[in-house]
């Protein structure tokens, strides 16, 4: 409970609200950010404690702005 309260307090202090302002939202944001910056999926899988790589692959299923950012990275090599 203490960890949950701390996450909510920090998110409120940062001015965040809604579904993303939760421990689950924070975890999801971490997964997406890791994949977006080029961290290999197997490492993200290890860090998040997923048994199946297919679970981690959800974070690589980008859309909208995330997809455009990843596409730009491909061309800037």
PDB file of N, CA and C in Angstrom:
ATOM      1  N   UNK A   1       0.818  -1.199   0.000  1.00  0.00           N
ATOM      2  CA  UNK A   1       0.000   0.000   0.000  1.00  0.00           C
ATOM      3  C   UNK A   1       0.862   1.264   0.000  1.00  0.00           C
ATOM      4  N   UNK A   2       1.981   1.232   0.707  1.00  0.00           N
ATOM      5  CA  UNK A   2       2.824   2.418   0.797  1.00  0.00           C
ATOM      6  C   UNK A   2       3.364   2.817  -0.572  1.00  0.00           C
ATOM      7  N   UNK A   3       3.809   1.830  -1.346  1.00  0.00           N
ATOM      8  CA  UNK A   3       4.308   2.115  -2.697  1.00  0.00           C
ATOM      9  C   UNK A   3       3.226   2.717  -3.578  1.00  0.00           C
ATOM     10  N   UNK A   4       2.021   2.162  -3.504  1.00  0.00           N
ATOM     11  CA  UNK A   4       0.891   2.654  -4.298  1.00  0.00           C
ATOM     12  C   UNK A   4       0.590   4.108  -3.946  1.00  0.00           C
ATOM     13  N   UNK A   5       0.564   4.408  -2.662  1.00  0.00           N
ATOM     14  CA  UNK A   5       0.296   5.791  -2.227  1.00  0.00           C
ATOM     15  C   UNK A   5       1.385   6.743  -2.705  1.00  0.00           C
ATOM     16  N   UNK A   6       2.632   6.310  -2.633  1.00  0.00           N
ATOM     17  CA  UNK A   6       3.749   7.150  -3.050  1.00  0.00           C
ATOM     18  C   UNK A   6       3.668   7.452  -4.547  1.00  0.00           C
ATOM     19  N   UNK A   7       3.371   6.448  -5.351  1.00  0.00           N
ATOM     20  CA  UNK A   7       3.235   6.674  -6.796  1.00  0.00           C
ATOM     21  C   UNK A   7       2.124   7.679  -7.068  1.00  0.00           C
ATOM     22  N   UNK A   8       0.990   7.518  -6.421  1.00  0.00           N
ATOM     23  CA  UNK A   8      -0.123   8.451  -6.627  1.00  0.00           C
ATOM     24  C   UNK A   8       0.227   9.860  -6.154  1.00  0.00           C
ATOM     25  N   UNK A   9       0.933   9.963  -5.055  1.00  0.00           N
ATOM     26  CA  UNK A   9       1.331  11.278  -4.548  1.00  0.00           C
ATOM     27  C   UNK A   9       2.266  11.966  -5.526  1.00  0.00           C
ATOM     28  N   UNK A  10       3.266  11.236  -6.036  1.00  0.00           N
ATOM     29  CA  UNK A  10       4.227  11.814  -6.990  1.00  0.00           C
ATOM     30  C   UNK A  10       3.514  12.233  -8.273  1.00  0.00           C
ATOM     31  N   UNK A  11       2.608  11.409  -8.756  1.00  0.00           N
ATOM     32  CA  UNK A  11       1.869  11.750  -9.971  1.00  0.00           C
ATOM     33  C   UNK A  11       1.011  12.995  -9.751  1.00  0.00           C
ATOM     34  N   UNK A  12       0.365  13.098  -8.605  1.00  0.00           N
ATOM     35  CA  UNK A  12      -0.450  14.280  -8.300  1.00  0.00           C
ATOM     36  C   UNK A  12       0.431  15.523  -8.223  1.00  0.00           C
ATOM     37  N   UNK A  13       1.598  15.410  -7.591  1.00  0.00           N
ATOM     38  CA  UNK A  13       2.527  16.534  -7.498  1.00  0.00           C
ATOM     39  C   UNK A  13       3.012  16.971  -8.882  1.00  0.00           C
ATOM     40  N   UNK A  14       3.112  16.008  -9.804  1.00  0.00           N
ATOM     41  CA  UNK A  14       3.548  16.304 -11.170  1.00  0.00           C
ATOM     42  C   UNK A  14       2.399  16.840 -12.022  1.00  0.00           C
ATOM     43  N   UNK A  15       1.190  16.864 -11.458  1.00  0.00           N
ATOM     44  CA  UNK A  15       0.044  17.379 -12.194  1.00  0.00           C
ATOM     45  C   UNK A  15      -0.562  16.374 -13.159  1.00  0.00           C
ATOM     46  N   UNK A  16      -0.269  15.083 -12.971  1.00  0.00           N
ATOM     47  CA  UNK A  16      -0.808  14.045 -13.846  1.00  0.00           C
ATOM     48  C   UNK A  16      -2.103  13.502 -13.261  1.00  0.00           C
ATOM     49  N   UNK A  17      -3.019  13.147 -14.144  1.00  0.00           N
ATOM     50  CA  UNK A  17      -4.277  12.566 -13.683  1.00  0.00           C
ATOM     51  C   UNK A  17      -4.796  11.603 -14.733  1.00  0.00           C
ATOM     52  N   UNK A  18      -5.840  10.895 -14.389  1.00  0.00           N
ATOM     53  CA  UNK A  18      -6.440   9.946 -15.314  1.00  0.00           C
ATOM     54  C   UNK A  18      -5.802   8.570 -15.211  1.00  0.00           C
ATOM     55  N   UNK A  19      -6.143   7.684 -16.149  1.00  0.00           N
ATOM     56  CA  UNK A  19      -5.669   6.295 -16.096  1.00  0.00           C
ATOM     57  C   UNK A  19      -4.139   6.164 -16.140  1.00  0.00           C
ATOM     58  N   UNK A  20      -3.473   7.088 -16.818  1.00  0.00           N
ATOM     59  CA  UNK A  20      -2.011   7.005 -16.915  1.00  0.00           C
ATOM     60  C   UNK A  20      -1.331   7.322 -15.588  1.00  0.00           C
ATOM     61  N   UNK A  21      -2.020   8.007 -14.702  1.00  0.00           N
ATOM     62  CA  UNK A  21      -1.455   8.389 -13.405  1.00  0.00           C
ATOM     63  C   UNK A  21      -1.694   7.283 -12.387  1.00  0.00           C
ATOM     64  N   UNK A  22      -1.121   6.130 -12.646  1.00  0.00           N
ATOM     65  CA  UNK A  22      -1.280   4.976 -11.778  1.00  0.00           C
ATOM     66  C   UNK A  22      -0.020   4.127 -11.880  1.00  0.00           C
ATOM     67  N   UNK A  23       0.185   3.211 -10.953  1.00  0.00           N
ATOM     68  CA  UNK A  23       1.343   2.325 -11.077  1.00  0.00           C
ATOM     69  C   UNK A  23       1.355   1.577 -12.411  1.00  0.00           C
ATOM     70  N   UNK A  24       0.191   1.116 -12.861  1.00  0.00           N
ATOM     71  CA  UNK A  24       0.115   0.404 -14.136  1.00  0.00           C
ATOM     72  C   UNK A  24       0.475   1.338 -15.293  1.00  0.00           C
ATOM     73  N   UNK A  25      -0.004   2.577 -15.241  1.00  0.00           N
ATOM     74  CA  UNK A  25       0.325   3.557 -16.275  1.00  0.00           C
ATOM     75  C   UNK A  25       1.803   3.866 -16.301  1.00  0.00           C
ATOM     76  N   UNK A  26       2.413   3.956 -15.121  1.00  0.00           N
ATOM     77  CA  UNK A  26       3.842   4.195 -15.022  1.00  0.00           C
ATOM     78  C   UNK A  26       4.631   3.028 -15.611  1.00  0.00           C
ATOM     79  N   UNK A  27       4.211   1.821 -15.303  1.00  0.00           N
ATOM     80  CA  UNK A  27       4.870   0.614 -15.835  1.00  0.00           C
ATOM     81  C   UNK A  27       4.761   0.576 -17.358  1.00  0.00           C
ATOM     82  N   UNK A  28       3.575   0.882 -17.867  1.00  0.00           N
ATOM     83  CA  UNK A  28       3.371   0.889 -19.316  1.00  0.00           C
ATOM     84  C   UNK A  28       4.246   1.959 -19.974  1.00  0.00           C
ATOM     85  N   UNK A  29       4.291   3.135 -19.392  1.00  0.00           N
ATOM     86  CA  UNK A  29       5.121   4.214 -19.936  1.00  0.00           C
ATOM     87  C   UNK A  29       6.590   3.808 -19.950  1.00  0.00           C
ATOM     88  N   UNK A  30       7.041   3.110 -18.914  1.00  0.00           N
ATOM     89  CA  UNK A  30       8.415   2.624 -18.872  1.00  0.00           C
ATOM     90  C   UNK A  30       8.673   1.660 -20.022  1.00  0.00           C
ATOM     91  N   UNK A  31       7.760   0.711 -20.234  1.00  0.00           N
ATOM     92  CA  UNK A  31       7.921  -0.268 -21.312  1.00  0.00           C
ATOM     93  C   UNK A  31       7.969   0.382 -22.675  1.00  0.00           C
ATOM     94  N   UNK A  32       7.069   1.310 -22.922  1.00  0.00           N
ATOM     95  CA  UNK A  32       7.026   2.016 -24.213  1.00  0.00           C
ATOM     96  C   UNK A  32       8.296   2.848 -24.403  1.00  0.00           C
ATOM     97  N   UNK A  33       8.717   3.554 -23.352  1.00  0.00           N
ATOM     98  CA  UNK A  33       9.927   4.387 -23.456  1.00  0.00           C
ATOM     99  C   UNK A  33      11.153   3.523 -23.721  1.00  0.00           C
ATOM    100  N   UNK A  34      11.245   2.386 -23.062  1.00  0.00           N
ATOM    101  CA  UNK A  34      12.393   1.500 -23.257  1.00  0.00           C
ATOM    102  C   UNK A  34      12.453   1.007 -24.701  1.00  0.00           C
ATOM    103  N   UNK A  35      11.335   0.557 -25.213  1.00  0.00           N
ATOM    104  CA  UNK A  35      11.291   0.071 -26.594  1.00  0.00           C
ATOM    105  C   UNK A  35      11.565   1.212 -27.573  1.00  0.00           C
ATOM    106  N   UNK A  36      11.009   2.380 -27.315  1.00  0.00           N
ATOM    107  CA  UNK A  36      11.167   3.532 -28.200  1.00  0.00           C
ATOM    108  C   UNK A  36      12.611   4.015 -28.280  1.00  0.00           C
ATOM    109  N   UNK A  37      13.375   3.806 -27.221  1.00  0.00           N
ATOM    110  CA  UNK A  37      14.766   4.253 -27.229  1.00  0.00           C
ATOM    111  C   UNK A  37      15.716   3.171 -27.726  1.00  0.00           C
ATOM    112  N   UNK A  38      15.157   2.045 -28.157  1.00  0.00           N
ATOM    113  CA  UNK A  38      15.980   1.011 -28.777  1.00  0.00           C
ATOM    114  C   UNK A  38      16.460  -0.088 -27.851  1.00  0.00           C
ATOM    115  N   UNK A  39      15.916  -0.170 -26.634  1.00  0.00           N
ATOM    116  CA  UNK A  39      16.293  -1.263 -25.733  1.00  0.00           C
ATOM    117  C   UNK A  39      15.725  -2.556 -26.330  1.00  0.00           C
ATOM    118  N   UNK A  40      16.543  -3.601 -26.469  1.00  0.00           N
ATOM    119  CA  UNK A  40      16.044  -4.860 -27.033  1.00  0.00           C
ATOM    120  C   UNK A  40      14.884  -5.430 -26.216  1.00  0.00           C
ATOM    121  N   UNK A  41      13.929  -6.014 -26.926  1.00  0.00           N
ATOM    122  CA  UNK A  41      12.732  -6.552 -26.268  1.00  0.00           C
ATOM    123  C   UNK A  41      13.065  -7.569 -25.189  1.00  0.00           C
ATOM    124  N   UNK A  42      14.111  -8.379 -25.410  1.00  0.00           N
ATOM    125  CA  UNK A  42      14.422  -9.396 -24.397  1.00  0.00           C
ATOM    126  C   UNK A  42      14.873  -8.756 -23.085  1.00  0.00           C
ATOM    127  N   UNK A  43      15.532  -7.588 -23.142  1.00  0.00           N
ATOM    128  CA  UNK A  43      15.903  -6.897 -21.907  1.00  0.00           C
ATOM    129  C   UNK A  43      14.685  -6.273 -21.235  1.00  0.00           C
ATOM    130  N   UNK A  44      13.804  -5.684 -22.036  1.00  0.00           N
ATOM    131  CA  UNK A  44      12.572  -5.117 -21.467  1.00  0.00           C
ATOM    132  C   UNK A  44      11.764  -6.238 -20.822  1.00  0.00           C
ATOM    133  N   UNK A  45      11.724  -7.391 -21.474  1.00  0.00           N
ATOM    134  CA  UNK A  45      11.027  -8.556 -20.911  1.00  0.00           C
ATOM    135  C   UNK A  45      11.606  -8.913 -19.547  1.00  0.00           C
ATOM    136  N   UNK A  46      12.925  -8.952 -19.462  1.00  0.00           N
ATOM    137  CA  UNK A  46      13.596  -9.285 -18.202  1.00  0.00           C
ATOM    138  C   UNK A  46      13.288  -8.241 -17.124  1.00  0.00           C
ATOM    139  N   UNK A  47      13.395  -6.964 -17.479  1.00  0.00           N
ATOM    140  CA  UNK A  47      13.182  -5.881 -16.517  1.00  0.00           C
ATOM    141  C   UNK A  47      11.754  -5.850 -15.986  1.00  0.00           C
ATOM    142  N   UNK A  48      10.790  -6.161 -16.872  1.00  0.00           N
ATOM    143  CA  UNK A  48       9.387  -6.125 -16.449  1.00  0.00           C
ATOM    144  C   UNK A  48       8.919  -7.448 -15.847  1.00  0.00           C
ATOM    145  N   UNK A  49       9.761  -8.476 -15.944  1.00  0.00           N
ATOM    146  CA  UNK A  49       9.426  -9.763 -15.348  1.00  0.00           C
ATOM    147  C   UNK A  49       8.399 -10.564 -16.106  1.00  0.00           C
ATOM    148  N   UNK A  50       8.333 -10.377 -17.427  1.00  0.00           N
ATOM    149  CA  UNK A  50       7.376 -11.130 -18.233  1.00  0.00           C
ATOM    150  C   UNK A  50       7.918 -12.526 -18.531  1.00  0.00           C
ATOM    151  N   UNK A  51       7.069 -13.536 -18.432  1.00  0.00           N
ATOM    152  CA  UNK A  51       7.455 -14.907 -18.763  1.00  0.00           C
ATOM    153  C   UNK A  51       7.489 -15.112 -20.277  1.00  0.00           C
ATOM    154  N   UNK A  52       6.603 -14.430 -20.974  1.00  0.00           N
ATOM    155  CA  UNK A  52       6.485 -14.595 -22.430  1.00  0.00           C
ATOM    156  C   UNK A  52       6.914 -13.321 -23.154  1.00  0.00           C
ATOM    157  N   UNK A  53       7.727 -13.471 -24.194  1.00  0.00           N
ATOM    158  CA  UNK A  53       8.141 -12.319 -24.986  1.00  0.00           C
ATOM    159  C   UNK A  53       6.942 -11.674 -25.682  1.00  0.00           C
ATOM    160  N   UNK A  54       5.927 -12.469 -25.974  1.00  0.00           N
ATOM    161  CA  UNK A  54       4.731 -11.926 -26.628  1.00  0.00           C
ATOM    162  C   UNK A  54       4.032 -10.888 -25.740  1.00  0.00           C
ATOM    163  N   UNK A  55       4.135 -11.036 -24.432  1.00  0.00           N
ATOM    164  CA  UNK A  55       3.558 -10.045 -23.521  1.00  0.00           C
ATOM    165  C   UNK A  55       4.318  -8.736 -23.635  1.00  0.00           C
ATOM    166  N   UNK A  56       5.639  -8.816 -23.691  1.00  0.00           N
ATOM    167  CA  UNK A  56       6.483  -7.625 -23.802  1.00  0.00           C
ATOM    168  C   UNK A  56       6.300  -6.960 -25.163  1.00  0.00           C
ATOM    169  N   UNK A  57       6.051  -7.742 -26.188  1.00  0.00           N
ATOM    170  CA  UNK A  57       5.908  -7.209 -27.546  1.00  0.00           C
ATOM    171  C   UNK A  57       4.765  -6.211 -27.656  1.00  0.00           C
ATOM    172  N   UNK A  58       3.831  -6.238 -26.724  1.00  0.00           N
ATOM    173  CA  UNK A  58       2.731  -5.275 -26.710  1.00  0.00           C
ATOM    174  C   UNK A  58       3.285  -3.850 -26.678  1.00  0.00           C
ATOM    175  N   UNK A  59       4.390  -3.650 -25.946  1.00  0.00           N
ATOM    176  CA  UNK A  59       4.986  -2.321 -25.824  1.00  0.00           C
ATOM    177  C   UNK A  59       5.617  -1.854 -27.141  1.00  0.00           C
ATOM    178  N   UNK A  60       5.920  -2.789 -28.018  1.00  0.00           N
ATOM    179  CA  UNK A  60       6.515  -2.439 -29.311  1.00  0.00           C
ATOM    180  C   UNK A  60       5.438  -2.138 -30.356  1.00  0.00           C
ATOM    181  N   UNK A  61       4.180  -2.350 -30.020  1.00  0.00           N
ATOM    182  CA  UNK A  61       3.075  -2.096 -30.942  1.00  0.00           C
ATOM    183  C   UNK A  61       2.683  -0.623 -30.858  1.00  0.00           C
ATOM    184  N   UNK A  62       3.539   0.205 -31.423  1.00  0.00           N
ATOM    185  CA  UNK A  62       3.340   1.652 -31.336  1.00  0.00           C
ATOM    186  C   UNK A  62       2.291   2.115 -32.334  1.00  0.00           C
ATOM    187  N   UNK A  63       1.706   3.265 -32.030  1.00  0.00           N
ATOM    188  CA  UNK A  63       0.756   3.880 -32.950  1.00  0.00           C
ATOM    189  C   UNK A  63       0.814   5.384 -32.777  1.00  0.00           C
ATOM    190  N   UNK A  64       0.291   6.097 -33.741  1.00  0.00           N
ATOM    191  CA  UNK A  64       0.221   7.557 -33.651  1.00  0.00           C
ATOM    192  C   UNK A  64       1.588   8.202 -33.555  1.00  0.00           C
ATOM    193  N   UNK A  65       1.741   9.105 -32.595  1.00  0.00           N
ATOM    194  CA  UNK A  65       2.990   9.842 -32.422  1.00  0.00           C
ATOM    195  C   UNK A  65       4.171   8.923 -32.147  1.00  0.00           C
ATOM    196  N   UNK A  66       3.944   7.868 -31.358  1.00  0.00           N
ATOM    197  CA  UNK A  66       5.022   6.933 -31.046  1.00  0.00           C
ATOM    198  C   UNK A  66       5.540   6.273 -32.313  1.00  0.00           C
ATOM    199  N   UNK A  67       4.630   5.859 -33.174  1.00  0.00           N
ATOM    200  CA  UNK A  67       5.016   5.202 -34.421  1.00  0.00           C
ATOM    201  C   UNK A  67       5.810   6.154 -35.307  1.00  0.00           C
ATOM    202  N   UNK A  68       5.388   7.390 -35.382  1.00  0.00           N
ATOM    203  CA  UNK A  68       6.099   8.379 -36.200  1.00  0.00           C
ATOM    204  C   UNK A  68       7.499   8.644 -35.662  1.00  0.00           C
ATOM    205  N   UNK A  69       7.641   8.706 -34.346  1.00  0.00           N
ATOM    206  CA  UNK A  69       8.953   8.924 -33.730  1.00  0.00           C
ATOM    207  C   UNK A  69       9.892   7.771 -34.058  1.00  0.00           C
ATOM    208  N   UNK A  70       9.395   6.554 -33.960  1.00  0.00           N
ATOM    209  CA  UNK A  70      10.210   5.381 -34.273  1.00  0.00           C
ATOM    210  C   UNK A  70      10.592   5.384 -35.750  1.00  0.00           C
ATOM    211  N   UNK A  71       9.662   5.723 -36.626  1.00  0.00           N
ATOM    212  CA  UNK A  71       9.954   5.771 -38.062  1.00  0.00           C
ATOM    213  C   UNK A  71      11.022   6.824 -38.371  1.00  0.00           C
ATOM    214  N   UNK A  72      10.965   7.983 -37.706  1.00  0.00           N
ATOM    215  CA  UNK A  72      11.979   9.013 -37.915  1.00  0.00           C
ATOM    216  C   UNK A  72      13.367   8.526 -37.505  1.00  0.00           C
ATOM    217  N   UNK A  73      13.434   7.764 -36.417  1.00  0.00           N
ATOM    218  CA  UNK A  73      14.707   7.225 -35.963  1.00  0.00           C
ATOM    219  C   UNK A  73      15.329   6.316 -37.021  1.00  0.00           C
ATOM    220  N   UNK A  74      14.496   5.557 -37.699  1.00  0.00           N
ATOM    221  CA  UNK A  74      15.007   4.632 -38.716  1.00  0.00           C
ATOM    222  C   UNK A  74      15.723   5.395 -39.810  1.00  0.00           C
ATOM    223  N   UNK A  75      15.224   6.535 -40.199  1.00  0.00           N
ATOM    224  CA  UNK A  75      15.801   7.305 -41.297  1.00  0.00           C
ATOM    225  C   UNK A  75      16.943   8.212 -40.870  1.00  0.00           C
ATOM    226  N   UNK A  76      17.146   8.360 -39.552  1.00  0.00           N
ATOM    227  CA  UNK A  76      18.204   9.263 -39.100  1.00  0.00           C
ATOM    228  C   UNK A  76      19.503   8.525 -38.790  1.00  0.00           C
ATOM    229  N   UNK A  77      19.570   7.259 -39.145  1.00  0.00           N
ATOM    230  CA  UNK A  77      20.787   6.463 -38.889  1.00  0.00           C
ATOM    231  C   UNK A  77      21.899   6.878 -39.818  1.00  0.00           C
TER     232      UNK A  77
END
